[in-house]
Amino acid sequence: MKKPSIFYLILFAFLALCLSGNSFAISSQEMGTVINLAGKQRMLTQKMSKEILLIAKGIDVDVNKASLKKTADLFDKTLKGLISGDADLGLPKTTDAAILEQLGKVSKLWAEFKPNIDAALTGAVDKAVLEKVAAQNLPLLKNMNKAVQMYAKMSGSSLEPAMATTINLAGKQRMLTQKMTKELLLIANGIDVDANKASLQKTVALFERTLKGLLDGDSELGLPGTKDAAIRTQLEVVKGLWAEYKPVLDKVDTSAEGLAKAAKLNLPLLKEMNKAVKMYEKSVK
């Protein structure tokens, strides 16, 4: 039997390598899912903090304890999925060394934050716990955001840059709905009142600007706007809810009535914004 020539052996090895590389390539749709869920992690850092603060204020305690448990479990599952892959979530395994290093930093910060959740679930939410939540939630958010930016930058080979930016910033809007509510509740709980008032004002302004940019474009934010009728309709739903919620935040209304309105409106605002993000994700070919 004639032995294959060295040329064919090299050709076979090259083709095998190419096929192997393609089998692990991340499609544009997968990358859209990665940016969406990594971005959603930012929101979950703020949602958990908000739920702890609602429990501390005695607002719907049992409901918020159950929600806090679900939020924490989802954050943990998604973080592990981003690192190692999760078929249920549609997440491919991350192989980029720099992103894995960044996710390692997030994992460390997450381990430090978890005791606050345990304390809230057992009802032991004293001022010391709230101060830890205030101190630790932003580093967790910022380091998760850094990972999202790294994913968005890496997506250049599989996802059109303007769409990567749009999914990123639309996803960030979800986080802002929770961050502004958290800041209102920190003020209500007497934690760093002046600093949180200033931060709340900035968060409100960024949410409003980004919402306008998603609709009609904002060159400084890198948003092209959208002409998609269904997405525009969904963003108008968000805009309507925002018009209801914004006055509470502008007035920094920490009365029982104001906090009840905040607790009632922030979740519909989050859910409707999340619908828009999923619509962007599905529009990726």
Protein backbone atom coordinates (compact mmCIF):
# COMPACT_ATOMS: atom_id res chain seq x y z
CA MET A 1 0.00 0.00 0.00
CA LYS A 2 1.40 3.37 -1.02
CA LYS A 3 2.19 5.68 1.89
CA PRO A 4 0.72 9.20 1.72
CA SER A 5 3.23 11.88 0.75
CA ILE A 6 4.41 14.48 3.25
CA PHE A 7 2.42 17.09 1.28
CA TYR A 8 -0.87 15.29 1.91
CA LEU A 9 -0.02 14.74 5.55
CA ILE A 10 0.62 18.46 6.00
CA LEU A 11 -2.56 19.32 4.05
CA PHE A 12 -4.61 16.93 6.21
CA ALA A 13 -3.17 18.42 9.41
CA PHE A 14 -3.92 21.95 8.18
CA LEU A 15 -7.53 21.10 7.29
CA ALA A 16 -8.04 19.38 10.64
CA LEU A 17 -6.73 22.44 12.43
CA CYS A 18 -9.04 24.73 10.46
CA LEU A 19 -12.07 22.56 11.14
CA SER A 20 -11.16 22.36 14.81
CA GLY A 21 -10.83 26.14 15.00
CA ASN A 22 -14.19 26.65 13.29
CA SER A 23 -15.94 24.27 15.68
CA PHE A 24 -15.00 26.53 18.57
CA ALA A 25 -15.63 29.83 16.76
CA ILE A 26 -18.25 32.05 18.36
CA SER A 27 -21.00 33.06 15.95
CA SER A 28 -22.41 36.59 15.86
CA GLN A 29 -25.60 35.30 17.47
CA GLU A 30 -23.64 33.63 20.30
CA MET A 31 -21.62 36.80 20.78
CA GLY A 32 -24.85 38.78 21.01
CA THR A 33 -25.99 36.41 23.78
CA VAL A 34 -22.65 36.72 25.59
CA ILE A 35 -22.75 40.55 25.54
CA ASN A 36 -26.41 40.50 26.59
CA LEU A 37 -25.92 38.15 29.58
CA ALA A 38 -22.59 39.63 30.64
CA GLY A 39 -24.30 43.01 30.50
CA LYS A 40 -27.23 41.65 32.51
CA GLN A 41 -24.77 40.74 35.27
CA ARG A 42 -24.20 44.48 35.81
CA MET A 43 -27.91 44.89 36.43
CA LEU A 44 -27.98 41.95 38.85
CA THR A 45 -25.30 43.58 41.06
CA GLN A 46 -27.62 46.55 41.48
CA LYS A 47 -30.81 44.52 41.77
CA MET A 48 -29.35 42.46 44.63
CA SER A 49 -28.26 45.64 46.41
CA LYS A 50 -31.69 47.19 45.90
CA GLU A 51 -33.43 44.09 47.29
CA ILE A 52 -31.23 44.12 50.40
CA LEU A 53 -32.09 47.79 50.94
CA LEU A 54 -35.82 47.14 50.46
CA ILE A 55 -35.62 44.40 53.09
CA ALA A 56 -33.82 46.82 55.42
CA LYS A 57 -36.66 49.35 55.00
CA GLY A 58 -39.25 46.67 55.73
CA ILE A 59 -40.81 46.87 52.25
CA ASP A 60 -42.39 43.60 51.04
CA VAL A 61 -39.82 41.69 53.07
CA ASP A 62 -40.83 38.11 52.18
CA VAL A 63 -41.23 38.93 48.48
CA ASN A 64 -37.86 40.68 48.36
CA LYS A 65 -36.11 37.86 50.24
CA ALA A 66 -37.40 35.36 47.66
CA SER A 67 -36.39 37.68 44.82
CA LEU A 68 -32.93 38.27 46.34
CA LYS A 69 -32.31 34.52 46.48
CA LYS A 70 -33.26 34.14 42.79
CA THR A 71 -31.17 37.15 41.75
CA ALA A 72 -28.09 35.88 43.58
CA ASP A 73 -28.49 32.36 42.15
CA LEU A 74 -28.80 33.76 38.61
CA PHE A 75 -25.72 35.96 39.03
CA ASP A 76 -23.72 32.97 40.27
CA LYS A 77 -24.94 30.66 37.47
CA THR A 78 -24.25 33.25 34.76
CA LEU A 79 -20.78 34.06 36.06
CA LYS A 80 -19.88 30.37 36.02
CA GLY A 81 -21.44 30.06 32.56
CA LEU A 82 -19.41 32.94 31.16
CA ILE A 83 -16.25 31.25 32.41
CA SER A 84 -16.95 27.59 31.63
CA GLY A 85 -19.96 27.69 29.28
CA ASP A 86 -23.62 26.94 29.98
CA ALA A 87 -25.80 25.28 27.35
CA ASP A 88 -29.02 26.22 29.16
CA LEU A 89 -28.08 29.90 29.03
CA GLY A 90 -26.68 29.64 25.50
CA LEU A 91 -23.22 30.68 26.70
CA PRO A 92 -20.09 29.33 25.01
CA LYS A 93 -16.98 28.84 27.14
CA THR A 94 -14.72 31.91 27.30
CA THR A 95 -11.22 31.13 26.04
CA ASP A 96 -9.74 34.64 25.95
CA ALA A 97 -7.08 34.77 28.69
CA ALA A 98 -7.53 38.46 29.48
CA ILE A 99 -11.31 38.14 29.84
CA LEU A 100 -10.91 35.04 32.01
CA GLU A 101 -8.53 36.98 34.26
CA GLN A 102 -11.10 39.78 34.53
CA LEU A 103 -13.88 37.32 35.34
CA GLY A 104 -11.59 35.91 38.04
CA LYS A 105 -11.52 39.37 39.65
CA VAL A 106 -15.32 39.46 39.48
CA SER A 107 -15.48 36.02 41.13
CA LYS A 108 -13.29 37.23 44.01
CA LEU A 109 -15.44 40.34 44.55
CA TRP A 110 -18.58 38.19 44.35
CA ALA A 111 -17.26 35.94 47.13
CA GLU A 112 -16.77 39.05 49.29
CA PHE A 113 -20.29 40.35 48.55
CA LYS A 114 -22.18 37.10 49.21
CA PRO A 115 -22.20 37.39 53.04
CA ASN A 116 -24.37 40.52 52.69
CA ILE A 117 -26.96 38.43 50.87
CA ASP A 118 -26.82 35.72 53.55
CA ALA A 119 -27.32 38.37 56.23
CA ALA A 120 -30.34 39.86 54.44
CA LEU A 121 -31.93 36.44 53.91
CA THR A 122 -31.71 35.74 57.64
CA GLY A 123 -33.11 39.21 58.44
CA ALA A 124 -29.85 40.46 60.02
CA VAL A 125 -29.67 43.70 58.03
CA ASP A 126 -28.04 46.22 60.38
CA LYS A 127 -26.25 49.42 59.40
CA ALA A 128 -22.90 47.63 59.18
CA VAL A 129 -24.29 45.30 56.50
CA LEU A 130 -25.78 48.24 54.57
CA GLU A 131 -22.44 50.07 54.68
CA LYS A 132 -20.74 46.97 53.27
CA VAL A 133 -23.35 46.76 50.49
CA ALA A 134 -22.73 50.44 49.70
CA ALA A 135 -18.95 49.93 49.65
CA GLN A 136 -18.80 46.61 47.78
CA ASN A 137 -21.52 46.78 45.13
CA LEU A 138 -19.80 49.36 42.92
CA PRO A 139 -16.44 47.53 42.61
CA LEU A 140 -18.45 44.41 41.66
CA LEU A 141 -20.41 46.45 39.09
CA LYS A 142 -17.35 48.21 37.68
CA ASN A 143 -15.32 45.03 37.26
CA MET A 144 -18.25 43.26 35.62
CA ASN A 145 -18.65 46.25 33.32
CA LYS A 146 -14.97 45.99 32.39
CA ALA A 147 -15.54 42.38 31.34
CA VAL A 148 -18.52 43.47 29.19
CA GLN A 149 -16.38 46.09 27.45
CA MET A 150 -13.75 43.42 26.76
CA TYR A 151 -16.38 41.13 25.23
CA ALA A 152 -17.71 44.01 23.12
CA LYS A 153 -14.20 44.80 21.86
CA MET A 154 -13.51 41.14 21.08
CA SER A 155 -16.78 40.92 19.14
CA GLY A 156 -15.33 43.00 16.31
CA SER A 157 -14.63 39.87 14.28
CA SER A 158 -18.16 38.44 14.61
CA LEU A 159 -20.55 41.27 15.46
CA GLU A 160 -20.95 44.62 13.69
CA PRO A 161 -19.43 47.30 16.01
CA ALA A 162 -22.49 49.55 16.14
CA MET A 163 -24.68 46.59 17.08
CA ALA A 164 -22.20 45.50 19.78
CA THR A 165 -22.36 49.02 21.23
CA THR A 166 -26.15 49.09 20.99
CA ILE A 167 -26.59 45.74 22.78
CA ASN A 168 -24.04 46.83 25.38
CA LEU A 169 -25.69 50.19 26.15
CA ALA A 170 -29.26 48.88 25.91
CA GLY A 171 -28.19 46.21 28.39
CA LYS A 172 -26.61 48.87 30.58
CA GLN A 173 -29.99 50.62 30.76
CA ARG A 174 -31.31 47.60 32.69
CA MET A 175 -28.56 48.14 35.23
CA LEU A 176 -29.35 51.86 35.51
CA THR A 177 -33.00 51.13 36.41
CA GLN A 178 -31.73 49.22 39.43
CA LYS A 179 -28.82 51.53 40.25
CA MET A 180 -31.06 54.58 40.51
CA THR A 181 -33.49 52.68 42.75
CA LYS A 182 -30.60 51.47 44.89
CA GLU A 183 -29.31 55.04 45.24
CA LEU A 184 -32.76 56.29 46.29
CA LEU A 185 -32.91 53.51 48.91
CA LEU A 186 -29.40 54.24 50.19
CA ILE A 187 -30.55 57.83 50.75
CA ALA A 188 -33.70 56.55 52.47
CA ASN A 189 -31.55 54.34 54.73
CA GLY A 190 -29.28 57.28 55.63
CA ILE A 191 -26.17 55.91 53.89
CA ASP A 192 -23.81 58.53 52.31
CA VAL A 193 -26.78 60.77 51.59
CA ASP A 194 -25.04 63.64 49.76
CA ALA A 195 -22.86 61.35 47.64
CA ASN A 196 -25.83 59.20 46.67
CA LYS A 197 -27.95 62.24 45.79
CA ALA A 198 -25.21 63.38 43.40
CA SER A 199 -24.83 59.88 41.97
CA LEU A 200 -28.60 59.52 41.54
CA GLN A 201 -28.74 62.73 39.51
CA LYS A 202 -26.01 61.42 37.17
CA THR A 203 -27.66 58.01 36.81
CA VAL A 204 -31.00 59.59 35.89
CA ALA A 205 -29.33 61.84 33.29
CA LEU A 206 -27.43 58.92 31.72
CA PHE A 207 -30.52 56.71 31.51
CA GLU A 208 -32.50 59.47 29.80
CA ARG A 209 -29.72 60.33 27.35
CA THR A 210 -29.13 56.69 26.42
CA LEU A 211 -32.85 56.08 25.88
CA LYS A 212 -32.97 59.01 23.45
CA GLY A 213 -29.79 57.72 21.77
CA LEU A 214 -31.21 54.23 21.31
CA LEU A 215 -34.21 55.76 19.55
CA ASP A 216 -32.66 58.51 17.46
CA GLY A 217 -28.89 58.08 17.72
CA ASP A 218 -26.07 59.66 19.74
CA SER A 219 -22.69 59.89 18.04
CA GLU A 220 -20.79 60.49 21.29
CA LEU A 221 -22.24 57.32 22.80
CA GLY A 222 -21.66 55.42 19.53
CA LEU A 223 -25.38 54.76 19.09
CA PRO A 224 -26.77 54.81 15.53
CA GLY A 225 -30.41 54.84 16.66
CA THR A 226 -32.94 52.42 15.21
CA LYS A 227 -35.50 52.46 12.42
CA ASP A 228 -36.85 49.03 13.37
CA ALA A 229 -40.56 49.69 14.01
CA ALA A 230 -40.98 46.94 16.62
CA ILE A 231 -37.93 48.02 18.61
CA ARG A 232 -39.00 51.68 18.45
CA THR A 233 -42.45 50.70 19.74
CA GLN A 234 -40.85 48.81 22.64
CA LEU A 235 -38.57 51.73 23.48
CA GLU A 236 -41.64 53.99 23.54
CA VAL A 237 -43.15 51.67 26.17
CA VAL A 238 -39.96 52.15 28.21
CA LYS A 239 -40.22 55.90 27.65
CA GLY A 240 -43.78 55.92 29.02
CA LEU A 241 -42.78 54.11 32.21
CA TRP A 242 -39.76 56.38 32.57
CA ALA A 243 -42.04 59.43 32.46
CA GLU A 244 -43.90 58.00 35.49
CA TYR A 245 -40.79 57.07 37.49
CA LYS A 246 -38.53 60.07 36.82
CA PRO A 247 -40.46 62.59 39.02
CA VAL A 248 -39.91 60.36 42.10
CA LEU A 249 -36.17 60.36 41.42
CA ASP A 250 -35.96 64.05 40.54
CA LYS A 251 -37.62 64.94 43.86
CA VAL A 252 -35.55 62.31 45.73
CA ASP A 253 -38.86 61.29 47.28
CA THR A 254 -38.00 59.01 50.21
CA SER A 255 -41.41 59.26 51.82
CA ALA A 256 -43.37 56.02 52.33
CA GLU A 257 -45.43 56.95 49.27
CA GLY A 258 -42.35 57.75 47.18
CA LEU A 259 -40.58 54.51 48.09
CA ALA A 260 -43.74 52.50 47.41
CA LYS A 261 -43.94 54.07 43.95
CA ALA A 262 -40.26 53.35 43.33
CA ALA A 263 -40.73 49.71 44.39
CA LYS A 264 -43.75 49.44 42.09
CA LEU A 265 -42.30 51.10 38.96
CA ASN A 266 -38.64 50.00 38.84
CA LEU A 267 -39.36 46.38 37.93
CA PRO A 268 -41.74 47.07 35.01
CA LEU A 269 -39.16 49.57 33.73
CA LEU A 270 -36.47 46.88 33.99
CA LYS A 271 -38.63 44.22 32.34
CA GLU A 272 -39.66 46.41 29.41
CA MET A 273 -36.04 47.49 28.88
CA ASN A 274 -35.01 43.84 28.96
CA LYS A 275 -37.55 43.09 26.21
CA ALA A 276 -35.87 45.71 24.04
CA VAL A 277 -32.44 44.16 24.65
CA LYS A 278 -33.74 40.73 23.60
CA MET A 279 -35.20 42.27 20.44
CA TYR A 280 -31.80 43.74 19.58
CA GLU A 281 -30.17 40.38 20.25
CA LYS A 282 -32.65 38.54 17.99
CA SER A 283 -32.10 41.08 15.20
CA VAL A 284 -28.46 39.95 14.91
CA LYS A 285 -28.12 37.72 11.86
